[in-house]
Amino acid sequence: MKHIKILIFSLLLGFTVSGCNDFFDVNEPSNVVPPNEHELSLLLPTAEYYTINMQFIEAFSIGQVQQHIASYFDNGIDQHYESSVYSAWSNFYTNSLYTLKHMDELAQEKNAIHYQGIINTLKAINLGMATDLYGDIPYYEAALGSDNSQPAVDSQQVLYNEIQSLLDEAISQFNATDNSGLDNIKGDGIYNGDLSKWERLAYTLKARYAIHLIKKNGAVSAANEALGYLQNGFTSNDDDFQITFNEKQKNPWNTTVVLSSQTGNLSVLFSEQLVNYMNSTIYPTVNYDPRIYDYINNDGAPTFDGALNGNEGKTAANTPANTEFNPNSYYFKEDSPIILVSYAEALFLKAEAEFLANGGTATSVGSNQAAYDAYKMGIEANMNKIGIDPALRDAYLNDPAIDVTPAALKLEHIMKEKYIALLLNPEIYNDLRRYDFSTDVYKGLELPANQDPEMNGQWFKRAIYPISELSLNTNLNATFQKVYVPVWWEQ
């Protein structure tokens, strides 16, 4: 019965979004899809959508902790009050993992090896987002419905091994011969069945999760491992893992923030930390970072004045901030994409890894040409993607504050530019935690105003398990941690 229910939901989703462009127009008429492929081809866009939605849900909350955005309201995650980010937990277990486990069963029955590769890659992405947010979580016994209402909790260390194993298996499956008759992937609204792009995604993800373990495996070892994977990773912006929305299925940042603010329903705006990286406050540049005009609507004011996190939409001077979301931004129009993994990220990963592999630290100066080249290429890739005028792009790249030369390159330069380029991507939160929210790496970073007194000046390190889940699954109580306790890989 549960299989029937999920297929019905997938069919409904397919009908709901049919007739749209890009991602929302991938389902082919049933008479051109082989009968034994119906379920897989219909479930795949559903699983892809849930994966992207997982990131959006996390970003709306965690974006306030990583200080890309700030809230107009008090007593929330913006001020580090305890939060379970319940929608992320629900999306992972009820939607993503449940759908992917069912797809895995179908793919195994049909020996559809190439579908299995995609399924394993999506499993790895979703599992990574979930464990990075919560730490130890149920996985192996999870999403079984009434068959197991008390799933065991798996340690994050075990889950990180699982992520790499899933990606290894996926890579092998992408390169295997598929004799199932289902080797021509249907329903893929992201890469249109291009397995070479899926493989490059898998390698880039392996690099992402390798670099997370700089504390566990040592910075040099983790960096060299990441560099090895990146050799087979993304090669251009065309590889970016994203979903593009349209006028019928609108970008959720557009509907949740832009359209709501236009009717007086304010929620979040851009944070002082992000804005001060771009308006020459922290890193004085000849001109503002040109991306600031794409990201932010300041109603034509002469300056961009970001909101101090925890100060209810006001600046550090207690004046109203003027950094609303730009409705015409590359990121916030109704048909804008949500990007989960990008070529720019791969380049910043390479820059960081090259820097660390050659002995660089949070406070040292590097003299590494490869790190420097990747750092500059990451900026260029991001600006090209969002359509920054080439003249403005080149002026920024040649600005003395950016064009610091390999001999003067610091980790702070790399991570600052990654912070700007990966706008509203929770991967920035992982970076902040990896470097202990260090002001040597993230200049100007401060705890929010009016922080929850129970935090005692500590940073928000994880979401808590939802209270309703603690009562339903007693296994969670044994591993419950407060929000200021670091996850395994941060320790």
Protein backbone atom coordinates (compact mmCIF):
# COMPACT_ATOMS: atom_id res chain seq x y z
CA MET A 1 0.00 0.00 0.00
CA LYS A 2 2.77 2.48 0.84
CA HIS A 3 4.26 1.94 -2.64
CA ILE A 4 0.93 2.74 -4.24
CA LYS A 5 0.56 5.90 -2.18
CA ILE A 6 3.95 7.24 -3.13
CA LEU A 7 3.42 6.51 -6.82
CA ILE A 8 0.09 8.30 -6.73
CA PHE A 9 1.79 11.31 -5.18
CA SER A 10 4.45 11.25 -7.88
CA LEU A 11 1.82 11.10 -10.60
CA LEU A 12 0.03 14.03 -9.02
CA LEU A 13 3.26 15.99 -8.93
CA GLY A 14 3.86 15.18 -12.57
CA PHE A 15 0.41 16.43 -13.53
CA THR A 16 0.74 19.50 -11.34
CA VAL A 17 3.92 20.68 -13.02
CA SER A 18 3.31 19.45 -16.55
CA GLY A 19 3.44 22.01 -19.34
CA CYS A 20 6.21 24.04 -17.63
CA ASN A 21 9.75 24.68 -18.77
CA ASP A 22 13.09 23.34 -17.55
CA PHE A 23 12.88 20.95 -14.57
CA PHE A 24 9.10 21.00 -14.49
CA ASP A 25 8.66 19.71 -18.01
CA VAL A 26 10.67 16.48 -17.90
CA ASN A 27 7.91 13.87 -17.68
CA GLU A 28 7.28 12.29 -21.06
CA PRO A 29 3.84 11.03 -22.10
CA SER A 30 3.30 7.50 -20.83
CA ASN A 31 2.99 6.11 -24.34
CA VAL A 32 6.66 6.90 -25.07
CA VAL A 33 8.03 5.55 -21.78
CA PRO A 34 8.50 1.78 -21.51
CA PRO A 35 5.85 0.34 -19.17
CA ASN A 36 8.45 -1.14 -16.81
CA GLU A 37 10.03 2.30 -16.42
CA HIS A 38 6.93 4.26 -15.46
CA GLU A 39 7.55 4.33 -11.73
CA LEU A 40 11.27 5.15 -11.91
CA SER A 41 10.84 7.89 -14.49
CA LEU A 42 8.01 9.50 -12.51
CA LEU A 43 9.70 9.18 -9.15
CA LEU A 44 13.03 10.61 -10.28
CA PRO A 45 11.87 14.25 -10.68
CA THR A 46 10.08 13.92 -7.35
CA ALA A 47 13.30 12.79 -5.64
CA GLU A 48 15.27 15.56 -7.33
CA TYR A 49 12.76 18.18 -6.22
CA TYR A 50 12.82 16.92 -2.63
CA THR A 51 16.62 17.12 -2.67
CA ILE A 52 16.66 20.74 -3.77
CA ASN A 53 13.83 21.55 -1.35
CA MET A 54 15.92 20.09 1.49
CA GLN A 55 18.57 22.69 0.80
CA PHE A 56 16.07 25.56 0.63
CA ILE A 57 14.50 24.56 3.95
CA GLU A 58 17.89 24.38 5.64
CA ALA A 59 19.10 27.61 4.05
CA PHE A 60 16.14 29.66 5.29
CA SER A 61 17.03 28.81 8.91
CA ILE A 62 20.76 28.13 8.81
CA GLY A 63 21.28 31.13 6.52
CA GLN A 64 20.61 33.20 9.63
CA VAL A 65 23.30 31.39 11.62
CA GLN A 66 25.86 31.66 8.82
CA GLN A 67 24.82 35.33 8.58
CA HIS A 68 23.90 35.56 4.96
CA ILE A 69 20.48 36.71 6.11
CA ALA A 70 19.00 38.17 9.28
CA SER A 71 15.51 38.02 10.74
CA TYR A 72 13.06 40.81 11.47
CA PHE A 73 11.92 38.92 14.58
CA ASP A 74 13.32 37.94 17.96
CA ASN A 75 13.49 34.70 19.93
CA GLY A 76 14.37 32.64 16.85
CA ILE A 77 17.34 30.90 15.30
CA ASP A 78 18.72 34.31 14.25
CA GLN A 79 19.48 34.86 17.95
CA HIS A 80 20.56 31.22 18.40
CA TYR A 81 17.47 30.07 20.23
CA GLU A 82 17.00 26.32 20.17
CA SER A 83 15.61 25.05 16.86
CA SER A 84 14.90 21.69 15.28
CA VAL A 85 14.44 23.04 11.74
CA TYR A 86 11.56 20.55 11.73
CA SER A 87 10.71 20.94 8.04
CA ALA A 88 14.19 19.70 7.12
CA TRP A 89 13.81 16.62 9.31
CA SER A 90 10.37 15.93 7.87
CA ASN A 91 11.51 16.46 4.29
CA PHE A 92 14.44 14.09 4.72
CA TYR A 93 12.54 11.20 6.28
CA THR A 94 9.01 11.56 4.92
CA ASN A 95 9.94 12.73 1.43
CA SER A 96 13.53 12.29 0.24
CA LEU A 97 14.69 9.12 1.96
CA TYR A 98 11.33 7.38 1.68
CA THR A 99 11.13 8.07 -2.05
CA LEU A 100 14.73 7.06 -2.70
CA LYS A 101 14.41 3.80 -0.78
CA HIS A 102 11.36 2.89 -2.83
CA MET A 103 13.17 3.82 -6.04
CA ASP A 104 16.13 1.69 -4.95
CA GLU A 105 13.84 -1.31 -4.52
CA LEU A 106 12.41 -0.82 -8.00
CA ALA A 107 15.81 -0.29 -9.61
CA GLN A 108 17.21 -3.41 -7.97
CA GLU A 109 14.24 -5.48 -9.12
CA LYS A 110 14.83 -4.35 -12.71
CA ASN A 111 18.65 -4.34 -12.42
CA ALA A 112 18.53 -0.73 -13.67
CA ILE A 113 22.15 0.04 -12.87
CA HIS A 114 22.24 3.58 -14.21
CA TYR A 115 19.14 4.58 -12.27
CA GLN A 116 20.77 3.04 -9.21
CA GLY A 117 23.77 5.32 -9.70
CA ILE A 118 21.54 8.38 -9.65
CA ILE A 119 19.62 7.07 -6.66
CA ASN A 120 22.84 6.48 -4.69
CA THR A 121 24.09 9.96 -5.54
CA LEU A 122 20.83 11.53 -4.36
CA LYS A 123 20.94 9.42 -1.21
CA ALA A 124 24.44 10.71 -0.49
CA ILE A 125 23.42 14.34 -0.99
CA ASN A 126 20.38 14.08 1.26
CA LEU A 127 22.16 12.07 3.93
CA GLY A 128 24.99 14.60 3.93
CA MET A 129 22.63 17.52 4.44
CA ALA A 130 20.76 15.72 7.22
CA THR A 131 23.73 14.50 9.24
CA ASP A 132 25.57 17.81 8.86
CA LEU A 133 22.53 19.52 10.37
CA TYR A 134 21.72 17.06 13.19
CA GLY A 135 24.81 14.92 13.77
CA ASP A 136 23.90 11.31 14.65
CA ILE A 137 20.60 10.31 13.04
CA PRO A 138 18.65 7.16 12.09
CA TYR A 139 19.47 6.02 8.58
CA TYR A 140 19.84 2.29 7.99
CA GLU A 141 16.58 1.44 9.76
CA ALA A 142 14.79 4.68 8.84
CA ALA A 143 11.96 5.38 6.39
CA LEU A 144 10.47 1.92 6.84
CA GLY A 145 7.13 3.20 8.09
CA SER A 146 5.18 0.86 10.34
CA ASP A 147 7.79 -1.85 9.77
CA ASN A 148 10.08 -0.05 12.23
CA SER A 149 8.81 2.90 14.27
CA GLN A 150 11.89 2.88 16.52
CA PRO A 151 14.85 3.06 14.12
CA ALA A 152 18.32 2.91 15.64
CA VAL A 153 20.48 6.02 15.57
CA ASP A 154 23.65 5.79 13.46
CA SER A 155 26.77 7.76 14.34
CA GLN A 156 27.89 10.56 12.08
CA GLN A 157 31.24 8.84 11.64
CA VAL A 158 29.49 5.77 10.23
CA LEU A 159 27.25 7.96 8.07
CA TYR A 160 30.23 9.78 6.57
CA ASN A 161 31.69 6.44 5.55
CA GLU A 162 28.30 5.60 4.05
CA ILE A 163 28.24 8.83 2.04
CA GLN A 164 31.57 8.02 0.44
CA SER A 165 30.52 4.40 -0.16
CA LEU A 166 27.29 5.51 -1.85
CA LEU A 167 29.24 7.84 -4.13
CA ASP A 168 31.82 5.17 -4.94
CA GLU A 169 29.06 2.75 -5.83
CA ALA A 170 27.34 5.39 -7.96
CA ILE A 171 30.51 6.11 -9.91
CA SER A 172 30.94 2.39 -10.59
CA GLN A 173 27.32 2.14 -11.70
CA PHE A 174 27.62 5.10 -14.07
CA ASN A 175 30.48 3.31 -15.79
CA ALA A 176 28.86 -0.13 -15.86
CA THR A 177 27.00 -1.66 -18.78
CA ASP A 178 23.26 -1.54 -18.15
CA ASN A 179 21.45 -4.41 -19.86
CA SER A 180 18.10 -3.76 -18.20
CA GLY A 181 16.67 -1.83 -21.14
CA LEU A 182 16.45 1.18 -18.81
CA ASP A 183 19.90 2.57 -19.56
CA ASN A 184 18.42 5.65 -21.28
CA ILE A 185 17.41 7.66 -18.21
CA LYS A 186 13.94 9.23 -18.30
CA GLY A 187 12.57 11.86 -15.95
CA ASP A 188 15.90 13.50 -15.09
CA GLY A 189 15.11 17.21 -14.87
CA ILE A 190 18.64 18.21 -13.85
CA TYR A 191 21.11 16.52 -16.21
CA ASN A 192 18.67 15.03 -18.74
CA GLY A 193 20.16 11.58 -18.26
CA ASP A 194 23.77 12.68 -18.92
CA LEU A 195 25.68 10.16 -16.79
CA SER A 196 28.99 11.94 -17.31
CA LYS A 197 27.58 14.95 -15.46
CA TRP A 198 26.21 12.74 -12.71
CA GLU A 199 29.65 11.19 -12.36
CA ARG A 200 31.34 14.59 -12.12
CA LEU A 201 28.76 15.53 -9.45
CA ALA A 202 29.62 12.40 -7.47
CA TYR A 203 33.35 13.19 -7.54
CA THR A 204 32.74 16.81 -6.54
CA LEU A 205 30.60 15.65 -3.63
CA LYS A 206 33.35 13.25 -2.56
CA ALA A 207 35.71 16.23 -2.43
CA ARG A 208 33.18 18.26 -0.43
CA TYR A 209 32.81 15.57 2.22
CA ALA A 210 36.53 14.83 2.30
CA ILE A 211 37.38 18.45 3.12
CA HIS A 212 34.83 18.42 5.94
CA LEU A 213 37.15 16.03 7.81
CA ILE A 214 40.18 18.30 8.19
CA LYS A 215 39.98 17.88 11.97
CA LYS A 216 39.52 14.12 11.88
CA ASN A 217 41.96 13.18 9.11
CA GLY A 218 44.33 16.13 9.33
CA ALA A 219 44.25 19.16 7.04
CA VAL A 220 46.95 17.95 4.63
CA SER A 221 45.50 14.45 4.25
CA ALA A 222 41.92 15.67 3.83
CA ALA A 223 43.07 18.29 1.33
CA ASN A 224 45.02 15.81 -0.77
CA GLU A 225 42.07 13.42 -0.79
CA ALA A 226 39.78 16.22 -1.98
CA LEU A 227 42.24 17.22 -4.71
CA GLY A 228 42.29 13.67 -5.99
CA TYR A 229 38.52 13.64 -6.35
CA LEU A 230 38.36 17.09 -7.93
CA GLN A 231 40.46 15.88 -10.85
CA ASN A 232 37.31 14.09 -12.02
CA GLY A 233 34.83 16.70 -10.74
CA PHE A 234 33.04 19.67 -12.28
CA THR A 235 34.67 21.33 -15.28
CA SER A 236 32.35 24.28 -16.01
CA ASN A 237 29.17 26.07 -14.91
CA ASP A 238 27.27 23.69 -17.19
CA ASP A 239 27.86 20.95 -14.60
CA ASP A 240 26.04 22.78 -11.80
CA PHE A 241 23.51 20.69 -9.90
CA GLN A 242 20.41 22.88 -9.80
CA ILE A 243 16.70 23.10 -10.48
CA THR A 244 15.34 26.04 -12.44
CA PHE A 245 11.80 27.15 -11.61
CA ASN A 246 9.20 28.98 -13.74
CA GLU A 247 6.10 31.15 -13.57
CA LYS A 248 3.91 28.23 -12.48
CA GLN A 249 6.29 26.54 -10.05
CA LYS A 250 8.06 29.58 -8.65
CA ASN A 251 11.40 29.77 -6.93
CA PRO A 252 10.67 29.45 -3.18
CA TRP A 253 12.90 32.41 -2.27
CA ASN A 254 10.72 34.46 -4.59
CA THR A 255 7.46 33.30 -3.05
CA THR A 256 8.60 33.11 0.57
CA VAL A 257 10.64 36.30 0.82
CA VAL A 258 10.32 38.59 -2.22
CA LEU A 259 6.58 38.41 -2.82
CA SER A 260 5.79 38.32 0.89
CA SER A 261 7.84 41.42 1.62
CA GLN A 262 6.04 43.30 -1.16
CA THR A 263 2.79 42.81 0.76
CA GLY A 264 4.29 43.85 4.10
CA ASN A 265 4.92 40.32 5.38
CA LEU A 266 8.58 40.75 6.28
CA SER A 267 10.71 37.79 7.26
CA VAL A 268 14.42 38.06 6.42
CA LEU A 269 16.83 40.49 4.75
CA PHE A 270 20.57 40.48 4.10
CA SER A 271 22.93 40.39 7.02
CA GLU A 272 25.60 42.92 7.92
CA GLN A 273 28.30 40.23 7.69
CA LEU A 274 27.60 39.40 4.04
CA VAL A 275 26.98 43.01 3.08
CA ASN A 276 30.17 44.25 4.72
CA TYR A 277 32.17 41.73 2.70
CA MET A 278 30.74 43.29 -0.45
CA ASN A 279 30.47 47.02 0.29
CA SER A 280 34.18 47.65 0.99
CA THR A 281 33.72 47.83 4.77
CA ILE A 282 35.81 44.80 5.79
CA TYR A 283 37.91 44.47 2.63
CA PRO A 284 38.31 47.99 1.19
CA THR A 285 38.06 47.87 -2.59
CA VAL A 286 38.03 50.58 -5.23
CA ASN A 287 34.40 49.79 -5.99
CA TYR A 288 31.75 47.64 -4.37
CA ASP A 289 31.62 43.97 -5.29
CA PRO A 290 29.33 44.15 -8.39
CA ARG A 291 27.34 41.16 -7.14
CA ILE A 292 25.88 43.35 -4.39
CA TYR A 293 23.68 45.08 -6.97
CA ASP A 294 22.34 41.73 -8.12
CA TYR A 295 21.71 40.32 -4.64
CA ILE A 296 20.28 43.35 -2.87
CA ASN A 297 17.59 45.99 -3.30
CA ASN A 298 18.45 49.10 -1.26
CA ASP A 299 15.90 51.36 -2.98
CA GLY A 300 18.62 53.44 -4.61
CA ALA A 301 20.26 54.53 -1.36
CA PRO A 302 23.92 55.63 -1.61
CA THR A 303 25.02 52.83 0.74
CA PHE A 304 24.11 49.23 1.53
CA ASP A 305 23.43 48.94 5.26
CA GLY A 306 23.06 45.33 6.35
CA ALA A 307 21.00 44.04 9.26
CA LEU A 308 22.87 43.09 12.41
CA ASN A 309 21.85 39.52 13.20
CA GLY A 310 19.66 39.41 16.28
CA ASN A 311 18.66 43.07 16.00
CA GLU A 312 15.23 42.65 14.40
CA GLY A 313 15.99 44.13 10.99
CA LYS A 314 18.12 47.01 12.19
CA THR A 315 21.77 47.88 11.66
CA ALA A 316 24.44 47.94 14.36
CA ALA A 317 23.58 51.64 14.73
CA ASN A 318 19.92 50.69 15.38
CA THR A 319 18.77 52.28 12.14
CA PRO A 320 16.58 50.36 9.69
CA ALA A 321 18.64 48.12 7.42
CA ASN A 322 18.06 48.63 3.69
CA THR A 323 19.13 45.26 2.31
CA GLU A 324 16.02 43.53 1.01
CA PHE A 325 16.14 40.72 -1.53
CA ASN A 326 16.38 42.06 -5.08
CA PRO A 327 13.32 40.78 -6.99
CA ASN A 328 15.34 41.01 -10.22
CA SER A 329 18.31 39.05 -8.90
CA TYR A 330 19.65 36.00 -10.70
CA TYR A 331 18.72 34.08 -7.55
CA PHE A 332 15.33 35.50 -6.58
CA LYS A 333 13.16 35.86 -9.68
CA GLU A 334 10.22 33.49 -9.99
CA ASP A 335 12.14 31.44 -12.58
CA SER A 336 15.50 31.52 -10.81
CA PRO A 337 17.37 28.30 -10.02
CA ILE A 338 18.31 26.88 -6.66
CA ILE A 339 21.89 25.65 -6.88
CA LEU A 340 23.01 22.83 -4.64
CA VAL A 341 26.52 22.13 -5.99
CA SER A 342 28.35 24.46 -8.37
CA TYR A 343 31.52 24.69 -10.41
CA ALA A 344 32.40 27.75 -8.34
CA GLU A 345 32.23 25.62 -5.20
CA ALA A 346 34.51 23.04 -6.82
CA LEU A 347 37.04 25.76 -7.60
CA PHE A 348 36.97 27.17 -4.08
CA LEU A 349 37.35 23.62 -2.75
CA LYS A 350 40.42 23.26 -4.94
CA ALA A 351 41.81 26.61 -3.78
CA GLU A 352 41.36 25.68 -0.13
CA ALA A 353 42.73 22.17 -0.61
CA GLU A 354 45.80 23.39 -2.51
CA PHE A 355 46.42 25.96 0.21
CA LEU A 356 46.12 23.40 3.04
CA ALA A 357 48.01 20.63 1.22
CA ASN A 358 51.00 22.93 0.96
CA GLY A 359 51.05 23.65 4.67
CA GLY A 360 48.76 26.67 4.80
CA THR A 361 46.88 27.44 8.01
CA ALA A 362 44.22 29.88 9.16
CA THR A 363 46.86 32.48 9.96
CA SER A 364 49.63 31.80 7.43
CA VAL A 365 50.36 33.44 4.10
CA GLY A 366 50.59 31.14 1.09
CA SER A 367 52.72 31.16 -2.01
CA ASN A 368 50.79 28.59 -3.98
CA GLN A 369 50.02 29.38 -7.61
CA ALA A 370 47.49 26.55 -7.98
CA ALA A 371 45.51 27.77 -4.96
CA TYR A 372 45.61 31.33 -6.24
CA ASP A 373 44.50 30.40 -9.75
CA ALA A 374 41.55 28.38 -8.41
CA TYR A 375 40.58 31.22 -6.07
CA LYS A 376 40.43 33.71 -8.94
CA MET A 377 38.67 31.21 -11.23
CA GLY A 378 36.03 30.60 -8.56
CA ILE A 379 35.16 34.30 -8.47
CA GLU A 380 35.06 34.46 -12.27
CA ALA A 381 32.89 31.34 -12.58
CA ASN A 382 30.33 32.71 -10.13
CA MET A 383 30.20 36.14 -11.75
CA ASN A 384 29.86 34.60 -15.21
CA LYS A 385 27.03 32.41 -13.99
CA ILE A 386 24.91 35.22 -12.60
CA GLY A 387 25.61 37.52 -15.54
CA ILE A 388 27.88 40.19 -14.10
CA ASP A 389 29.12 42.57 -16.79
CA PRO A 390 32.60 41.40 -17.90
CA ALA A 391 34.10 44.87 -17.41
CA LEU A 392 32.83 45.01 -13.82
CA ARG A 393 33.94 41.42 -13.25
CA ASP A 394 37.47 42.11 -14.48
CA ALA A 395 37.73 45.34 -12.48
CA TYR A 396 36.87 43.40 -9.34
CA LEU A 397 39.30 40.58 -10.14
CA ASN A 398 42.06 43.14 -10.67
CA ASP A 399 41.29 45.17 -7.57
CA PRO A 400 44.28 45.14 -5.16
CA ALA A 401 42.07 43.79 -2.36
CA ILE A 402 41.23 40.76 -4.51
CA ASP A 403 44.30 40.41 -6.76
CA VAL A 404 46.58 39.85 -3.78
CA THR A 405 49.19 37.70 -5.66
CA PRO A 406 50.04 34.10 -4.72
CA ALA A 407 52.64 35.24 -2.20
CA ALA A 408 50.08 37.17 -0.16
CA LEU A 409 47.14 34.78 -0.46
CA LYS A 410 45.52 33.82 2.83
CA LEU A 411 42.84 31.32 3.70
CA GLU A 412 40.58 34.26 4.60
CA HIS A 413 40.63 35.44 0.96
CA ILE A 414 39.51 32.06 -0.33
CA MET A 415 36.81 31.52 2.27
CA LYS A 416 35.50 35.09 2.00
CA GLU A 417 34.96 34.71 -1.72
CA LYS A 418 33.37 31.30 -1.27
CA TYR A 419 31.09 32.87 1.37
CA ILE A 420 29.91 35.43 -1.18
CA ALA A 421 29.61 33.07 -4.15
CA LEU A 422 27.70 30.28 -2.40
CA LEU A 423 24.83 32.57 -1.52
CA LEU A 424 22.29 30.93 0.80
CA ASN A 425 23.96 27.53 0.51
CA PRO A 426 24.20 25.73 3.89
CA GLU A 427 27.64 24.48 2.86
CA ILE A 428 28.88 27.83 4.18
CA TYR A 429 27.64 26.80 7.63
CA ASN A 430 29.79 23.69 7.39
CA ASP A 431 32.80 25.86 6.49
CA LEU A 432 32.21 28.14 9.47
CA ARG A 433 32.05 25.18 11.82
CA ARG A 434 35.12 23.52 10.30
CA TYR A 435 37.09 26.63 11.16
CA ASP A 436 35.42 27.18 14.56
CA PHE A 437 33.81 30.47 13.44
CA SER A 438 37.33 31.88 13.45
CA THR A 439 37.75 35.60 12.87
CA ASP A 440 41.17 34.80 11.39
CA VAL A 441 39.30 33.12 8.55
CA TYR A 442 36.05 35.13 8.60
CA LYS A 443 37.01 38.72 9.39
CA GLY A 444 34.38 40.76 11.20
CA LEU A 445 32.32 37.73 12.25
CA GLU A 446 30.47 38.28 15.52
CA LEU A 447 27.83 36.51 17.56
CA PRO A 448 24.33 37.91 17.03
CA ALA A 449 22.93 40.70 19.15
CA ASN A 450 20.51 39.65 21.87
CA GLN A 451 21.75 36.06 21.75
CA ASP A 452 19.85 33.46 23.75
CA PRO A 453 21.36 33.76 27.27
CA GLU A 454 21.47 29.96 27.57
CA MET A 455 24.09 29.85 24.80
CA ASN A 456 26.65 31.53 27.08
CA GLY A 457 28.40 33.12 24.13
CA GLN A 458 28.72 29.90 22.15
CA TRP A 459 27.83 29.46 18.49
CA PHE A 460 24.83 27.51 17.24
CA LYS A 461 26.50 24.21 16.18
CA ARG A 462 23.57 21.93 15.23
CA ALA A 463 19.81 21.64 15.14
CA ILE A 464 18.16 19.58 17.87
CA TYR A 465 15.97 16.55 17.18
CA PRO A 466 12.29 17.54 16.88
CA ILE A 467 10.54 17.16 20.21
CA SER A 468 7.77 15.11 18.61
CA GLU A 469 10.38 12.64 17.33
CA LEU A 470 11.93 12.28 20.76
CA SER A 471 8.61 11.03 22.09
CA LEU A 472 8.05 8.70 19.14
CA ASN A 473 11.53 7.18 18.95
CA THR A 474 13.14 6.64 22.34
CA ASN A 475 16.47 5.80 20.67
CA LEU A 476 16.91 9.49 19.89
CA ASN A 477 16.98 10.44 23.56
CA ALA A 478 20.29 8.66 24.12
CA THR A 479 22.07 10.81 21.51
CA PHE A 480 20.21 14.11 22.00
CA GLN A 481 22.55 17.11 22.13
CA LYS A 482 22.02 20.81 22.72
CA VAL A 483 22.54 23.24 19.85
CA TYR A 484 25.91 24.43 21.15
CA VAL A 485 27.46 20.93 21.10
CA PRO A 486 29.58 20.41 17.97
CA VAL A 487 28.89 17.56 15.57
CA TRP A 488 31.43 14.72 15.32
CA TRP A 489 33.53 16.10 12.48
CA GLU A 490 33.88 19.49 14.20
CA GLN A 491 35.33 18.01 17.37
